[in-house]
Protein backbone atom coordinates (compact mmCIF):
# COMPACT_ATOMS: atom_id res chain seq x y z
CA MET A 1 66.18 119.85 92.26
CA THR A 2 69.55 121.88 91.84
CA ASP A 3 67.84 125.15 90.54
CA LYS A 4 65.45 124.49 93.54
CA PHE A 5 67.94 125.10 96.17
CA ALA A 6 69.75 127.67 93.99
CA ASP A 7 66.35 129.89 94.24
CA VAL A 8 66.09 128.95 98.25
CA ARG A 9 69.60 130.65 98.35
CA ARG A 10 68.56 133.89 96.12
CA MET A 11 65.49 134.35 98.95
CA VAL A 12 67.77 134.03 102.23
CA ASP A 13 66.46 137.05 104.60
CA MET A 14 69.59 136.68 106.85
CA ASN A 15 67.76 138.89 109.78
CA ALA A 16 65.09 136.63 110.21
CA PRO A 17 65.31 134.22 113.10
CA THR A 18 65.05 130.51 113.62
CA GLN A 19 66.97 128.29 115.94
CA VAL A 20 71.08 127.85 117.03
CA ARG A 21 73.81 125.88 117.67
CA GLY A 22 74.63 123.30 114.78
CA VAL A 23 72.52 122.03 112.33
CA ARG A 24 71.86 118.39 110.80
CA THR A 25 70.41 118.56 107.38
CA SER A 26 71.31 118.35 103.96
CA ASN A 27 74.51 120.44 102.08
CA GLU A 28 71.84 121.97 99.80
CA VAL A 29 69.39 123.71 102.34
CA LEU A 30 72.12 124.34 104.60
CA GLY A 31 73.31 126.64 101.80
CA GLY A 32 70.43 128.48 101.64
CA VAL A 33 69.87 129.36 105.48
CA GLU A 34 71.53 132.07 107.57
CA TYR A 35 70.75 131.22 111.40
CA THR A 36 70.79 134.03 113.99
CA ALA A 37 71.95 133.35 117.73
CA GLY A 38 69.66 133.62 120.26
CA GLY A 39 70.70 131.77 123.46
CA ALA A 40 70.61 128.10 124.07
CA GLY A 41 67.22 127.51 123.08
CA MET A 42 64.71 127.72 120.34
CA ILE A 43 63.30 130.99 118.78
CA LEU A 44 60.11 131.09 118.46
CA GLY A 45 59.37 134.62 117.28
CA ARG A 46 59.56 138.15 118.46
CA GLU A 47 58.36 139.74 121.75
CA HIS A 48 56.28 143.07 121.15
CA GLY A 49 59.44 144.91 122.58
CA GLY A 50 61.34 143.55 119.78
CA GLN A 51 63.84 140.86 121.86
CA LEU A 52 63.72 137.28 120.76
CA ALA A 53 61.37 134.97 122.37
CA VAL A 54 63.74 132.07 123.03
CA ARG A 55 62.50 128.89 125.04
CA GLU A 56 64.34 125.74 126.03
CA LEU A 57 63.57 122.66 124.04
CA PHE A 58 65.71 120.16 125.49
CA SER A 59 67.10 119.31 128.89
CA SER A 60 68.68 116.27 131.19
CA GLU A 61 64.82 116.11 132.01
CA PRO A 62 62.06 114.72 129.75
CA ARG A 63 60.05 117.88 128.03
CA GLU A 64 56.25 117.76 126.72
CA ILE A 65 55.12 119.87 124.52
CA LEU A 66 51.55 120.66 123.02
CA ALA A 67 50.82 122.95 120.20
CA VAL A 68 47.53 123.77 118.95
CA GLY A 69 47.68 124.80 115.35
CA THR A 70 48.18 123.76 111.54
CA ILE A 71 50.57 121.43 110.34
CA GLY A 72 52.57 123.97 108.54
CA LEU A 73 53.14 125.28 112.19
CA ALA A 74 54.58 122.00 113.46
CA LYS A 75 56.82 121.69 110.46
CA VAL A 76 58.48 125.05 111.40
CA LEU A 77 59.21 123.51 114.51
CA ALA A 78 60.34 120.38 113.47
CA PHE A 79 62.59 122.25 111.05
CA ARG A 80 64.18 124.26 113.55
CA ALA A 81 64.35 121.54 116.22
CA LEU A 82 66.60 120.71 113.28
CA ALA A 83 68.71 123.03 113.75
CA LEU A 84 69.53 122.53 117.07
CA GLY A 85 71.45 119.38 116.04
CA ALA A 86 68.13 117.13 117.04
CA GLN A 87 67.02 113.95 115.25
CA VAL A 88 63.48 114.70 114.52
CA TRP A 89 60.94 111.59 114.73
CA VAL A 90 57.70 112.25 113.32
CA GLU A 91 54.81 109.98 114.47
CA THR A 92 51.98 110.21 111.97
CA ARG A 93 49.90 108.36 109.44
CA ARG A 94 49.59 111.77 107.41
CA VAL A 95 52.89 110.69 105.51
CA ALA A 96 51.64 112.57 102.09
CA ALA A 97 51.40 115.66 104.16
CA TRP A 98 55.25 115.27 105.62
CA ASP A 99 56.64 113.43 102.69
CA ALA A 100 58.35 116.29 100.44
CA PHE A 101 59.17 118.58 103.29
CA ILE A 102 61.33 116.00 104.75
CA ARG A 103 63.06 114.57 101.73
CA THR A 104 63.39 118.76 101.09
CA SER A 105 64.69 119.57 104.65
CA ALA A 106 67.03 116.52 105.88
CA GLY A 107 68.02 115.75 102.23
CA ALA A 108 70.59 112.36 102.68
CA SER A 109 71.12 112.87 106.14
CA GLY A 110 68.54 111.26 107.56
CA ALA A 111 68.01 113.77 110.62
CA ILE A 112 64.01 113.68 110.36
CA ARG A 113 62.32 110.58 109.05
CA VAL A 114 58.63 109.49 109.73
CA VAL A 115 57.82 106.35 111.79
CA ARG A 116 54.75 104.65 112.71
CA GLU A 117 55.48 104.50 116.45
CA PHE A 118 56.88 106.14 119.44
CA PRO A 119 60.52 105.59 118.86
CA ASP A 120 63.48 104.53 120.78
CA ALA A 121 65.44 107.50 122.20
CA ARG A 122 67.61 105.72 124.90
CA PHE A 123 70.54 107.25 122.55
CA ALA A 124 69.60 110.73 122.84
CA SER A 125 72.50 112.90 124.50
CA GLU A 126 72.98 116.85 125.07
CA ASP A 127 75.04 116.60 121.70
CA ARG A 128 72.10 114.62 119.91
CA PRO A 129 68.96 115.47 121.52
CA VAL A 130 65.58 113.79 120.02
CA PHE A 131 62.39 115.61 119.19
CA VAL A 132 59.38 113.27 118.68
CA LEU A 133 56.37 115.15 116.98
CA VAL A 134 53.34 113.24 117.72
CA ASP A 135 50.63 114.39 114.54
CA SER A 136 47.95 113.24 117.04
CA ASP A 137 45.25 114.33 114.44
CA SER A 138 46.47 111.27 112.47
CA SER A 139 47.69 108.92 115.11
CA LEU A 140 46.08 108.94 118.24
CA ALA A 141 47.97 107.19 120.72
CA GLU A 142 46.54 105.74 123.98
CA ASP A 143 49.15 104.95 125.78
CA ASP A 144 51.29 107.83 127.53
CA GLN A 145 54.53 108.65 125.79
CA VAL A 146 57.14 109.21 128.56
CA GLY A 147 60.48 110.58 127.08
CA LEU A 148 63.87 110.39 128.72
CA SER A 149 66.63 112.55 129.24
CA TRP A 150 67.37 114.96 126.29
CA THR A 151 64.29 113.86 124.64
CA THR A 152 61.44 116.36 123.89
CA VAL A 153 57.54 114.90 122.99
CA LEU A 154 55.63 117.62 121.11
CA THR A 155 52.04 116.69 120.07
CA LEU A 156 50.26 118.35 117.65
CA TYR A 157 46.07 119.40 117.80
CA SER A 158 44.59 120.66 115.33
CA GLN A 159 41.99 121.70 117.36
CA LEU A 160 41.35 122.51 120.99
CA THR A 161 38.38 120.35 122.60
CA PRO A 162 37.06 119.01 125.44
CA TRP A 163 38.93 115.85 125.25
CA ASN A 164 42.64 117.00 124.32
CA VAL A 165 42.42 120.19 126.59
CA ALA A 166 43.68 118.40 129.97
CA ASP A 167 46.82 117.97 128.34
CA LEU A 168 47.81 121.83 128.70
CA THR A 169 47.82 121.19 132.53
CA TYR A 170 50.62 118.59 131.97
CA ALA A 171 52.62 120.40 129.35
CA ASP A 172 55.99 122.43 129.78
CA LEU A 173 55.21 124.43 127.27
CA ALA A 174 52.10 124.86 125.33
CA ILE A 175 52.53 126.87 121.60
CA LEU A 176 49.33 128.08 120.33
CA GLN A 177 48.13 129.59 117.35
CA LYS A 178 45.17 131.76 117.25
CA LEU A 179 42.28 130.17 118.97
CA THR A 180 38.49 130.27 118.72
CA PRO A 181 37.02 131.92 121.17
CA ALA A 182 35.29 128.76 122.03
CA GLU A 183 38.90 127.13 122.06
CA ALA A 184 40.37 130.05 124.32
CA ARG A 185 37.30 129.47 126.99
CA LEU A 186 38.29 126.07 127.31
CA ALA A 187 42.14 126.78 127.97
CA ALA A 188 41.03 129.13 130.44
CA GLY A 189 39.02 126.80 131.99
CA SER A 190 41.45 124.37 131.92
CA ILE A 191 44.15 126.70 133.14
CA ARG A 192 42.05 129.00 135.34
CA GLY A 193 43.39 132.12 134.32
CA SER A 194 41.52 135.06 135.26
CA ASP A 195 41.53 136.91 132.29
CA LEU A 196 43.38 134.49 129.93
CA ALA A 197 40.07 133.49 127.42
CA GLN A 198 40.24 137.41 126.22
CA ARG A 199 43.92 137.42 126.16
CA LEU A 200 44.16 134.16 123.77
CA GLU A 201 41.22 135.54 121.64
CA ALA A 202 43.10 138.56 121.14
CA VAL A 203 46.26 136.71 119.72
CA SER A 204 46.62 137.67 116.09
CA HIS A 205 46.89 135.15 113.11
CA ASN A 206 50.59 135.82 112.73
CA GLU A 207 51.35 135.69 116.41
CA LEU A 208 51.72 132.66 118.74
CA GLY A 209 50.75 132.28 122.40
CA LEU A 210 53.51 130.79 124.61
CA LEU A 211 51.60 129.21 127.81
CA SER A 212 53.66 127.77 130.77
CA GLY A 213 51.08 127.16 133.84
CA SER A 214 49.21 130.04 133.94
CA ASN A 215 51.75 132.49 132.09
CA LEU A 216 50.88 133.82 128.70
CA ASP A 217 53.40 135.46 126.50
CA VAL A 218 52.33 136.63 123.21
CA VAL A 219 55.03 136.78 120.18
CA THR A 220 55.11 137.73 116.36
CA LEU A 221 55.90 134.50 114.22
CA GLU A 222 58.71 135.38 111.99
CA LEU A 223 59.54 132.59 109.21
CA THR A 224 62.63 133.27 107.40
CA ALA A 225 62.70 133.03 103.58
CA VAL A 226 63.66 129.52 103.54
CA GLU A 227 60.79 128.57 105.91
CA ARG A 228 58.39 130.41 103.73
CA TYR A 229 59.59 128.51 100.60
CA MET A 230 59.47 125.03 101.98
CA ILE A 231 56.55 125.29 104.16
CA GLY A 232 54.16 128.69 102.82
CA ASP A 233 51.44 129.76 104.83
CA VAL A 234 51.09 128.22 108.27
CA SER A 235 48.32 130.60 109.66
CA ARG A 236 44.95 128.99 111.17
CA THR A 237 42.77 131.74 109.42
CA ARG A 238 40.69 128.69 107.18
CA ARG A 239 40.52 126.29 109.24
CA ARG A 240 38.86 128.65 112.15
CA ALA A 241 36.64 129.88 109.23
CA ALA A 242 35.74 126.26 108.29
CA ALA A 243 34.76 125.60 112.32
CA ARG A 244 32.49 128.79 111.95
CA ASP A 245 30.51 127.56 109.00
């Protein structure tokens, strides 16, 4: 384990953006990470003009975020939430798929852990917000999950379907990896954006579509060296290819 983190420290890319504010994670991982300030929110990528794309993750009002993409994307978002000082709860039944990442990113701090049901977030605060990541492909919840102050619920879907597309209209923010043409049409039909389908289809494999209402911003997802080492490839290319077969 010691040698592994020595490798991480040597791989640090100090110019790659991730998060802002304090971090609660293991000292070993922190030794290999240099964070770039980007305002009071999560850095999700870089706009085409070169500016950092920052979105508010936590507020005094509960927030709901929808992500359509890979489990790798979910791990990046969880890791960056840790850097905002959040307690991260992962509701999943794919425990094996999360185990190594959680042990490596949190160490003994316990700042990120797997839960089997929606956690008690009554004690969330501005200094210690709660980030609940619902891995919906493995843990489909029938009940509404209502957040509290300084609590953000992110629901991950591996695919956009007629059964979950309505969630786009309720989300404060949707984070979309490259969609299939069918998924893009579903999203456009739900949001009723005139050219939204074409714009979503134009999102490339290394970009994210950030959808808020009918407003779509396309940003380039940049991983730090630590994220690439811990998480690996987060692209959706293979899943989309399989869906066409």
